[in-house]
């Protein structure tokens, strides 16, 4: 007996295809269960009851489309939020990147300003900022523009000071930012070696060679095929003995990829390319 196709799944696939064709943002290869949950939460909040209604709203309302897209992106993190990992990463960067004349760092699918400047501060304290180029990419242009503003709400200041100290910060967080109009703004000296670009892991190709690739959250949302594509892209872009930083404690299905890598710390998702 032929199994009846899931109508909801067909509708969702058609909608995601239409969203990609119209806006160029590709969520078709994302893990379906968490993607469906995020979409349903957004629909509930917007009082939309069907995928057809979602399609009508999003494809004909640019503001709604931007809000919907940002809902599906990786969640933002705080400054030095995963401070044990940044503490471990500081040791790695001290041991590895100092040996390069002009190291390149790629922050992939960046979700927030704090993610960028946690690394920028870390690199400054390791003593290699002046010779390092940091490439920050995000698939969504609105998110990238927001990240480039390089500020965070003043109410998070005390939390971020604690995170900075716990991550092994050597100075004072106030050395790197100043308060103005209810926001803390990162210093211009931390921005001068940053390159900002719109870029999609789903469709774009390798664009440089890097000594550190930092991908904090996006892979958790990818399905197996899309994750394999991202791994291949990272491998093409990472120099030999370069460091790959992924989400901690993730168990990936593409084990053949990791045959070319040596674990620096499984706990913190740090790997060195050896082949």
Protein backbone atom coordinates (compact mmCIF):
# COMPACT_ATOMS: atom_id res chain seq x y z
CA UNK A 1 0.00 0.00 0.00
CA UNK A 2 1.37 3.42 -0.99
CA UNK A 3 2.01 5.75 1.95
CA UNK A 4 0.23 9.10 1.71
CA UNK A 5 2.72 11.99 1.60
CA UNK A 6 2.69 14.39 4.56
CA UNK A 7 0.81 17.41 3.22
CA UNK A 8 2.32 19.75 5.81
CA UNK A 9 5.83 18.66 4.81
CA UNK A 10 5.03 19.22 1.12
CA UNK A 11 3.71 22.71 1.88
CA UNK A 12 6.77 23.52 3.97
CA UNK A 13 9.16 22.34 1.25
CA UNK A 14 7.36 24.42 -1.38
CA UNK A 15 7.43 27.47 0.87
CA UNK A 16 11.16 27.14 1.61
CA UNK A 17 11.85 26.74 -2.11
CA UNK A 18 9.84 29.87 -2.85
CA UNK A 19 11.61 31.81 -0.11
CA UNK A 20 14.97 30.79 -1.55
CA UNK A 21 13.99 31.63 -5.13
CA UNK A 22 12.61 35.04 -4.15
CA UNK A 23 14.98 36.20 -1.39
CA UNK A 24 18.07 34.06 -2.00
CA UNK A 25 18.21 32.79 1.59
CA UNK A 26 18.36 29.00 1.71
CA UNK A 27 16.86 27.11 4.65
CA UNK A 28 15.98 24.01 2.61
CA UNK A 29 18.82 21.91 4.02
CA UNK A 30 18.21 22.76 7.68
CA UNK A 31 17.22 20.04 10.16
CA UNK A 32 13.48 19.75 9.75
CA UNK A 33 12.30 19.23 13.35
CA UNK A 34 13.88 22.36 14.92
CA UNK A 35 13.12 24.35 11.76
CA UNK A 36 9.43 23.41 11.93
CA UNK A 37 9.37 24.38 15.60
CA UNK A 38 10.87 27.82 14.96
CA UNK A 39 8.48 28.43 12.06
CA UNK A 40 5.48 27.34 14.14
CA UNK A 41 6.51 29.64 16.99
CA UNK A 42 6.78 32.57 14.59
CA UNK A 43 3.43 31.74 13.00
CA UNK A 44 1.76 31.55 16.41
CA UNK A 45 3.23 34.89 17.46
CA UNK A 46 1.97 36.44 14.19
CA UNK A 47 -1.46 34.74 14.38
CA UNK A 48 -0.82 32.83 11.15
CA UNK A 49 -2.58 29.46 11.03
CA UNK A 50 -1.35 27.78 7.83
CA UNK A 51 1.76 27.55 5.66
CA UNK A 52 -0.30 29.15 2.91
CA UNK A 53 -0.94 32.10 5.21
CA UNK A 54 2.76 32.24 6.06
CA UNK A 55 3.65 32.30 2.38
CA UNK A 56 1.14 35.08 1.72
CA UNK A 57 2.57 37.20 4.54
CA UNK A 58 6.27 36.65 3.99
CA UNK A 59 6.45 36.74 0.19
CA UNK A 60 4.42 39.94 -0.04
CA UNK A 61 5.71 41.88 2.97
CA UNK A 62 9.43 42.72 3.02
CA UNK A 63 9.36 43.68 6.71
CA UNK A 64 7.76 40.37 7.64
CA UNK A 65 10.26 38.52 5.47
CA UNK A 66 13.21 40.13 7.29
CA UNK A 67 11.70 39.32 10.70
CA UNK A 68 10.98 35.73 9.64
CA UNK A 69 14.50 35.23 8.28
CA UNK A 70 16.13 36.52 11.46
CA UNK A 71 13.98 34.14 13.51
CA UNK A 72 15.52 31.18 11.69
CA UNK A 73 19.12 32.32 12.10
CA UNK A 74 21.44 31.11 14.85
CA UNK A 75 20.72 32.72 18.24
CA UNK A 76 22.88 35.55 19.51
CA UNK A 77 25.39 34.94 22.30
CA UNK A 78 26.90 37.17 24.98
CA UNK A 79 30.43 38.55 25.27
CA UNK A 80 32.70 35.68 26.37
CA UNK A 81 29.52 33.74 27.15
CA UNK A 82 31.26 30.38 26.81
CA UNK A 83 34.20 31.57 28.89
CA UNK A 84 35.77 28.11 29.46
CA UNK A 85 36.09 27.73 25.70
CA UNK A 86 37.63 31.17 25.25
CA UNK A 87 40.09 30.36 28.02
CA UNK A 88 41.11 27.20 26.12
CA UNK A 89 41.17 29.07 22.81
CA UNK A 90 43.56 31.66 24.23
CA UNK A 91 46.10 28.90 24.93
CA UNK A 92 45.65 27.53 21.40
CA UNK A 93 46.10 30.93 19.74
CA UNK A 94 49.16 31.71 21.84
CA UNK A 95 50.76 28.44 20.74
CA UNK A 96 49.74 28.52 17.06
CA UNK A 97 48.89 31.88 15.49
CA UNK A 98 51.95 33.70 16.78
CA UNK A 99 54.11 31.72 14.35
CA UNK A 100 52.28 33.13 11.28
CA UNK A 101 53.38 36.39 9.67
CA UNK A 102 49.81 37.45 8.77
CA UNK A 103 47.18 35.05 10.14
CA UNK A 104 43.62 35.10 8.85
CA UNK A 105 40.60 34.30 11.02
CA UNK A 106 37.11 33.53 9.73
CA UNK A 107 34.07 33.95 11.98
CA UNK A 108 31.38 31.98 10.13
CA UNK A 109 27.64 32.75 10.19
CA UNK A 110 28.15 35.34 12.90
CA UNK A 111 25.03 36.01 14.96
CA UNK A 112 25.99 39.08 17.02
CA UNK A 113 28.55 41.77 17.77
CA UNK A 114 29.66 40.05 20.97
CA UNK A 115 30.84 37.00 19.04
CA UNK A 116 33.19 39.14 16.95
CA UNK A 117 34.66 41.20 19.74
CA UNK A 118 35.16 38.30 22.12
CA UNK A 119 37.66 37.01 19.57
CA UNK A 120 39.06 40.44 18.74
CA UNK A 121 39.82 41.10 22.42
CA UNK A 122 41.29 37.64 22.81
CA UNK A 123 43.59 38.15 19.81
CA UNK A 124 44.61 41.56 21.15
CA UNK A 125 45.58 40.06 24.50
CA UNK A 126 47.55 37.26 22.82
CA UNK A 127 49.51 40.08 21.17
CA UNK A 128 48.78 39.37 17.49
CA UNK A 129 45.92 41.72 16.61
CA UNK A 130 48.06 44.12 14.58
CA UNK A 131 49.10 41.41 12.12
CA UNK A 132 45.79 39.52 12.03
CA UNK A 133 42.86 39.95 9.64
CA UNK A 134 39.43 38.90 10.91
CA UNK A 135 36.77 38.05 8.31
CA UNK A 136 33.21 38.19 9.66
CA UNK A 137 30.47 36.69 7.51
CA UNK A 138 26.71 36.31 7.89
CA UNK A 139 24.10 35.13 5.41
CA UNK A 140 21.57 37.78 6.39
CA UNK A 141 22.38 41.37 5.40
CA UNK A 142 20.28 42.91 8.20
CA UNK A 143 22.05 40.85 10.85
CA UNK A 144 25.44 41.75 9.38
CA UNK A 145 24.56 45.45 9.44
CA UNK A 146 23.50 45.18 13.09
CA UNK A 147 26.72 43.37 14.00
CA UNK A 148 28.79 46.09 12.33
CA UNK A 149 27.36 48.69 14.72
CA UNK A 150 29.71 47.20 17.34
CA UNK A 151 27.71 47.92 20.47
CA UNK A 152 25.76 46.16 23.20
CA UNK A 153 23.18 47.24 25.84
CA UNK A 154 24.61 48.85 28.98
CA UNK A 155 22.54 46.54 31.20
CA UNK A 156 24.77 43.61 30.23
CA UNK A 157 27.95 45.34 31.39
CA UNK A 158 28.30 43.63 34.79
CA UNK A 159 27.60 40.21 33.28
CA UNK A 160 30.18 40.77 30.55
CA UNK A 161 32.84 41.95 33.00
CA UNK A 162 32.49 38.66 34.90
CA UNK A 163 32.62 36.65 31.66
CA UNK A 164 35.76 38.50 30.59
CA UNK A 165 37.55 37.75 33.86
CA UNK A 166 36.47 34.09 33.77
CA UNK A 167 37.77 33.76 30.20
CA UNK A 168 41.25 34.76 31.38
CA UNK A 169 41.12 38.45 30.49
CA UNK A 170 44.40 40.14 31.29
CA UNK A 171 43.26 43.74 31.65
CA UNK A 172 39.95 45.53 32.11
CA UNK A 173 36.95 45.28 29.81
CA UNK A 174 36.74 49.07 29.96
CA UNK A 175 40.01 49.13 27.98
CA UNK A 176 38.04 47.97 24.95
CA UNK A 177 34.74 49.85 25.04
CA UNK A 178 33.07 53.05 26.23
CA UNK A 179 29.52 53.90 27.27
CA UNK A 180 27.33 56.30 25.31
CA UNK A 181 23.55 56.68 25.04
CA UNK A 182 22.76 53.54 27.01
CA UNK A 183 25.10 51.39 24.92
CA UNK A 184 28.69 50.26 25.20
CA UNK A 185 30.63 50.78 21.97
CA UNK A 186 33.73 48.79 21.05
CA UNK A 187 36.90 50.77 20.39
CA UNK A 188 37.90 51.70 16.86
CA UNK A 189 41.25 50.01 17.47
CA UNK A 190 39.42 46.67 17.65
CA UNK A 191 37.60 47.26 14.34
CA UNK A 192 40.41 48.31 12.04
CA UNK A 193 41.42 44.76 11.02
CA UNK A 194 37.91 43.39 10.54
CA UNK A 195 36.39 42.67 7.12
CA UNK A 196 32.58 42.35 7.03
CA UNK A 197 30.89 40.36 4.23
CA UNK A 198 27.55 38.80 3.42
CA UNK A 199 28.22 35.12 2.76
CA UNK A 200 26.21 31.89 2.76
CA UNK A 201 27.57 28.53 3.85
CA UNK A 202 24.77 27.00 1.84
CA UNK A 203 25.69 28.36 -1.59
CA UNK A 204 29.05 30.19 -1.56
CA UNK A 205 32.56 28.84 -2.07
CA UNK A 206 35.91 29.11 -0.30
CA UNK A 207 37.29 32.64 -0.60
CA UNK A 208 40.58 32.60 1.33
CA UNK A 209 42.96 30.51 3.42
CA UNK A 210 42.58 30.77 7.18
CA UNK A 211 44.56 29.78 10.23
CA UNK A 212 41.48 29.80 12.46
CA UNK A 213 37.89 29.09 11.44
CA UNK A 214 35.34 29.81 14.17
CA UNK A 215 31.82 28.43 13.65
CA UNK A 216 29.86 28.74 16.85
CA UNK A 217 26.24 27.71 16.20
CA UNK A 218 25.10 27.31 12.59
CA UNK A 219 25.98 23.62 12.13
CA UNK A 220 23.48 22.63 14.81
CA UNK A 221 20.69 23.78 12.47
CA UNK A 222 22.00 22.03 9.34
CA UNK A 223 20.83 18.68 8.02
CA UNK A 224 23.45 15.99 7.16
CA UNK A 225 23.97 17.02 3.51
CA UNK A 226 24.33 20.70 4.33
CA UNK A 227 26.64 19.92 7.24
CA UNK A 228 28.84 17.81 4.95
CA UNK A 229 29.03 20.74 2.51
CA UNK A 230 30.10 23.07 5.32
CA UNK A 231 32.78 20.63 6.48
CA UNK A 232 34.17 20.38 2.95
CA UNK A 233 34.21 24.17 2.71
CA UNK A 234 36.06 24.47 6.02
CA UNK A 235 38.59 21.86 4.93
CA UNK A 236 39.24 23.72 1.66
CA UNK A 237 39.66 27.00 3.55
CA UNK A 238 41.78 25.93 6.54
CA UNK A 239 45.56 25.85 6.28
CA UNK A 240 47.51 22.80 7.40
CA UNK A 241 47.90 22.90 11.20
CA UNK A 242 45.16 25.51 11.32
CA UNK A 243 42.55 25.45 14.08
CA UNK A 244 38.85 24.69 13.61
CA UNK A 245 36.54 25.84 16.39
CA UNK A 246 33.06 24.28 16.45
CA UNK A 247 30.26 23.98 18.97
CA UNK A 248 31.31 22.03 22.03
CA UNK A 249 30.05 18.52 22.72
CA UNK A 250 28.48 18.08 19.30
CA UNK A 251 28.47 14.61 17.75
CA UNK A 252 28.68 14.93 14.00
CA UNK A 253 27.81 12.16 11.57
CA UNK A 254 30.58 12.87 9.03
CA UNK A 255 33.34 11.04 10.87
CA UNK A 256 35.50 10.79 7.72
CA UNK A 257 36.03 14.56 7.95
CA UNK A 258 37.58 14.30 11.39
CA UNK A 259 40.12 11.69 10.21
CA UNK A 260 42.17 14.66 8.94
CA UNK A 261 41.98 16.46 12.28
CA UNK A 262 43.50 16.07 15.70
CA UNK A 263 41.34 16.94 18.68
CA UNK A 264 42.81 19.73 20.76
CA UNK A 265 39.75 19.58 23.02
CA UNK A 266 36.58 17.61 22.26
CA UNK A 267 34.95 19.33 25.23
CA UNK A 268 35.45 22.77 23.69
CA UNK A 269 35.11 21.77 20.01
CA UNK A 270 38.70 22.64 19.08
CA UNK A 271 40.50 20.69 16.35
CA UNK A 272 43.81 21.01 14.48
CA UNK A 273 44.06 20.12 10.80
CA UNK A 274 46.85 17.56 10.31
CA UNK A 275 46.15 16.19 6.85
